[in-house]
Amino acid sequence: MGDQEADIARIKESARALKRIRDTFAERANPAEGYGVGDLGSQKILDAFDTFGSNWKIHRRQLTEELERLHGITKGAAESYETLDHELAEALRSTDDRQPKTSGK
């Protein structure tokens, strides 16, 4: 088995970034919401945004769910690596404590 190293800080930051992205997706609605024909200049443009908004709502929900799932995976991975690292360090310290002390000669 090859050498493996986990950058726990980077995995944690990835989890936080995925959560921020997920939260942003969850908050965003139709980009033209609140605007009228006078603001956008045309009923066609307003209708296009309404159609986009309806489709976006469906896709946004799917993307939000996937981002939430990925956030959970990366957060869980970071926690697992951290726990494993801590347990391994404790086991090694325990083994070191049981080793006889040498006189240094």
C-alpha atoms as a PDB file:
ATOM      1  CA  MET A   1       0.000   0.000   0.000  1.00  0.00           C
ATOM      2  CA  GLY A   2       1.372   3.436  -0.927  1.00  0.00           C
ATOM      3  CA  ASP A   3       1.902   6.408   1.305  1.00  0.00           C
ATOM      4  CA  GLN A   4      -1.287   8.331   1.968  1.00  0.00           C
ATOM      5  CA  GLU A   5      -1.665  11.752   3.462  1.00  0.00           C
ATOM      6  CA  ALA A   6      -4.853  13.670   4.156  1.00  0.00           C
ATOM      7  CA  ASP A   7      -4.796  17.449   4.351  1.00  0.00           C
ATOM      8  CA  ILE A   8      -7.501  17.709   6.995  1.00  0.00           C
ATOM      9  CA  ALA A   9      -7.528  21.504   6.933  1.00  0.00           C
ATOM     10  CA  ARG A  10      -8.098  21.502   3.176  1.00  0.00           C
ATOM     11  CA  ILE A  11     -10.876  18.906   3.445  1.00  0.00           C
ATOM     12  CA  LYS A  12     -12.556  21.001   6.169  1.00  0.00           C
ATOM     13  CA  GLU A  13     -12.294  24.130   4.009  1.00  0.00           C
ATOM     14  CA  SER A  14     -13.818  22.214   1.099  1.00  0.00           C
ATOM     15  CA  ALA A  15     -16.737  21.209   3.323  1.00  0.00           C
ATOM     16  CA  ARG A  16     -17.237  24.835   4.412  1.00  0.00           C
ATOM     17  CA  ALA A  17     -17.040  26.048   0.792  1.00  0.00           C
ATOM     18  CA  LEU A  18     -19.622  23.486  -0.312  1.00  0.00           C
ATOM     19  CA  LYS A  19     -21.926  24.643   2.485  1.00  0.00           C
ATOM     20  CA  ARG A  20     -21.526  28.295   1.413  1.00  0.00           C
ATOM     21  CA  ILE A  21     -22.279  27.380  -2.208  1.00  0.00           C
ATOM     22  CA  ARG A  22     -25.270  25.298  -1.106  1.00  0.00           C
ATOM     23  CA  ASP A  23     -26.612  28.166   0.994  1.00  0.00           C
ATOM     24  CA  THR A  24     -26.222  30.566  -1.923  1.00  0.00           C
ATOM     25  CA  PHE A  25     -28.081  28.199  -4.244  1.00  0.00           C
ATOM     26  CA  ALA A  26     -30.854  27.751  -1.685  1.00  0.00           C
ATOM     27  CA  GLU A  27     -31.368  31.522  -1.379  1.00  0.00           C
ATOM     28  CA  ARG A  28     -31.369  32.416  -5.072  1.00  0.00           C
ATOM     29  CA  ALA A  29     -34.711  32.589  -6.856  1.00  0.00           C
ATOM     30  CA  ASN A  30     -35.739  33.952 -10.227  1.00  0.00           C
ATOM     31  CA  PRO A  31     -33.170  36.659 -11.086  1.00  0.00           C
ATOM     32  CA  ALA A  32     -35.950  38.876 -12.472  1.00  0.00           C
ATOM     33  CA  GLU A  33     -38.210  38.482  -9.456  1.00  0.00           C
ATOM     34  CA  GLY A  34     -39.685  41.831  -8.489  1.00  0.00           C
ATOM     35  CA  TYR A  35     -39.093  43.393 -11.900  1.00  0.00           C
ATOM     36  CA  GLY A  36     -41.785  44.330 -14.380  1.00  0.00           C
ATOM     37  CA  VAL A  37     -42.017  45.123 -18.076  1.00  0.00           C
ATOM     38  CA  GLY A  38     -40.985  48.709 -17.355  1.00  0.00           C
ATOM     39  CA  ASP A  39     -37.793  47.504 -15.676  1.00  0.00           C
ATOM     40  CA  LEU A  40     -36.844  44.885 -18.277  1.00  0.00           C
ATOM     41  CA  GLY A  41     -38.211  46.673 -21.342  1.00  0.00           C
ATOM     42  CA  SER A  42     -40.273  43.858 -22.830  1.00  0.00           C
ATOM     43  CA  GLN A  43     -42.944  41.332 -21.931  1.00  0.00           C
ATOM     44  CA  LYS A  44     -40.944  38.729 -23.910  1.00  0.00           C
ATOM     45  CA  ILE A  45     -37.951  39.248 -21.653  1.00  0.00           C
ATOM     46  CA  LEU A  46     -40.142  39.085 -18.556  1.00  0.00           C
ATOM     47  CA  ASP A  47     -41.775  35.873 -19.859  1.00  0.00           C
ATOM     48  CA  ALA A  48     -38.357  34.370 -20.619  1.00  0.00           C
ATOM     49  CA  PHE A  49     -37.215  35.110 -17.067  1.00  0.00           C
ATOM     50  CA  ASP A  50     -40.417  33.589 -15.686  1.00  0.00           C
ATOM     51  CA  THR A  51     -39.785  30.394 -17.693  1.00  0.00           C
ATOM     52  CA  PHE A  52     -36.151  30.393 -16.610  1.00  0.00           C
ATOM     53  CA  GLY A  53     -37.206  30.978 -13.014  1.00  0.00           C
ATOM     54  CA  SER A  54     -39.539  27.976 -13.061  1.00  0.00           C
ATOM     55  CA  ASN A  55     -36.854  25.711 -14.525  1.00  0.00           C
ATOM     56  CA  TRP A  56     -34.213  27.200 -12.253  1.00  0.00           C
ATOM     57  CA  LYS A  57     -36.333  26.432  -9.189  1.00  0.00           C
ATOM     58  CA  ILE A  58     -36.373  22.724 -10.089  1.00  0.00           C
ATOM     59  CA  HIS A  59     -32.680  22.564 -10.965  1.00  0.00           C
ATOM     60  CA  ARG A  60     -31.692  24.720  -8.008  1.00  0.00           C
ATOM     61  CA  ARG A  61     -33.403  22.285  -5.639  1.00  0.00           C
ATOM     62  CA  GLN A  62     -31.558  19.353  -7.218  1.00  0.00           C
ATOM     63  CA  LEU A  63     -28.223  21.175  -7.097  1.00  0.00           C
ATOM     64  CA  THR A  64     -28.857  22.234  -3.505  1.00  0.00           C
ATOM     65  CA  GLU A  65     -29.556  18.648  -2.478  1.00  0.00           C
ATOM     66  CA  GLU A  66     -26.392  17.410  -4.212  1.00  0.00           C
ATOM     67  CA  LEU A  67     -24.280  20.161  -2.649  1.00  0.00           C
ATOM     68  CA  GLU A  68     -25.700  19.270   0.775  1.00  0.00           C
ATOM     69  CA  ARG A  69     -24.773  15.628   0.187  1.00  0.00           C
ATOM     70  CA  LEU A  70     -21.229  16.547  -0.886  1.00  0.00           C
ATOM     71  CA  HIS A  71     -20.889  18.837   2.130  1.00  0.00           C
ATOM     72  CA  GLY A  72     -21.843  15.940   4.397  1.00  0.00           C
ATOM     73  CA  ILE A  73     -19.344  13.614   2.732  1.00  0.00           C
ATOM     74  CA  THR A  74     -16.424  16.031   2.973  1.00  0.00           C
ATOM     75  CA  LYS A  75     -17.276  17.076   6.518  1.00  0.00           C
ATOM     76  CA  GLY A  76     -17.570  13.419   7.549  1.00  0.00           C
ATOM     77  CA  ALA A  77     -14.268  12.595   5.844  1.00  0.00           C
ATOM     78  CA  ALA A  78     -12.466  15.388   7.704  1.00  0.00           C
ATOM     79  CA  GLU A  79     -13.950  14.262  11.012  1.00  0.00           C
ATOM     80  CA  SER A  80     -13.014  10.628  10.327  1.00  0.00           C
ATOM     81  CA  TYR A  81      -9.433  11.494   9.354  1.00  0.00           C
ATOM     82  CA  GLU A  82      -9.082  13.684  12.414  1.00  0.00           C
ATOM     83  CA  THR A  83     -10.436  10.974  14.729  1.00  0.00           C
ATOM     84  CA  LEU A  84      -8.225   8.328  13.144  1.00  0.00           C
ATOM     85  CA  ASP A  85      -5.170  10.580  13.397  1.00  0.00           C
ATOM     86  CA  HIS A  86      -5.888  11.284  17.065  1.00  0.00           C
ATOM     87  CA  GLU A  87      -6.455   7.598  17.898  1.00  0.00           C
ATOM     88  CA  LEU A  88      -3.281   6.567  16.086  1.00  0.00           C
ATOM     89  CA  ALA A  89      -1.250   9.224  17.905  1.00  0.00           C
ATOM     90  CA  GLU A  90      -2.671   8.068  21.252  1.00  0.00           C
ATOM     91  CA  ALA A  91      -1.847   4.435  20.439  1.00  0.00           C
ATOM     92  CA  LEU A  92       1.716   5.350  19.497  1.00  0.00           C
ATOM     93  CA  ARG A  93       2.158   7.418  22.682  1.00  0.00           C
ATOM     94  CA  SER A  94       0.830   4.529  24.730  1.00  0.00           C
ATOM     95  CA  THR A  95       3.320   2.173  23.090  1.00  0.00           C
ATOM     96  CA  ASP A  96       6.146   4.655  23.684  1.00  0.00           C
ATOM     97  CA  ASP A  97       5.194   4.926  27.364  1.00  0.00           C
ATOM     98  CA  ARG A  98       5.510   1.153  27.781  1.00  0.00           C
ATOM     99  CA  GLN A  99       8.981   0.978  26.234  1.00  0.00           C
ATOM    100  CA  PRO A 100      11.843   0.651  28.744  1.00  0.00           C
ATOM    101  CA  LYS A 101      13.897   3.786  29.112  1.00  0.00           C
ATOM    102  CA  THR A 102      17.485   3.470  27.966  1.00  0.00           C
ATOM    103  CA  SER A 103      20.407   5.005  29.822  1.00  0.00           C
ATOM    104  CA  GLY A 104      21.552   6.865  26.727  1.00  0.00           C
ATOM    105  CA  LYS A 105      24.813   4.883  26.303  1.00  0.00           C
END
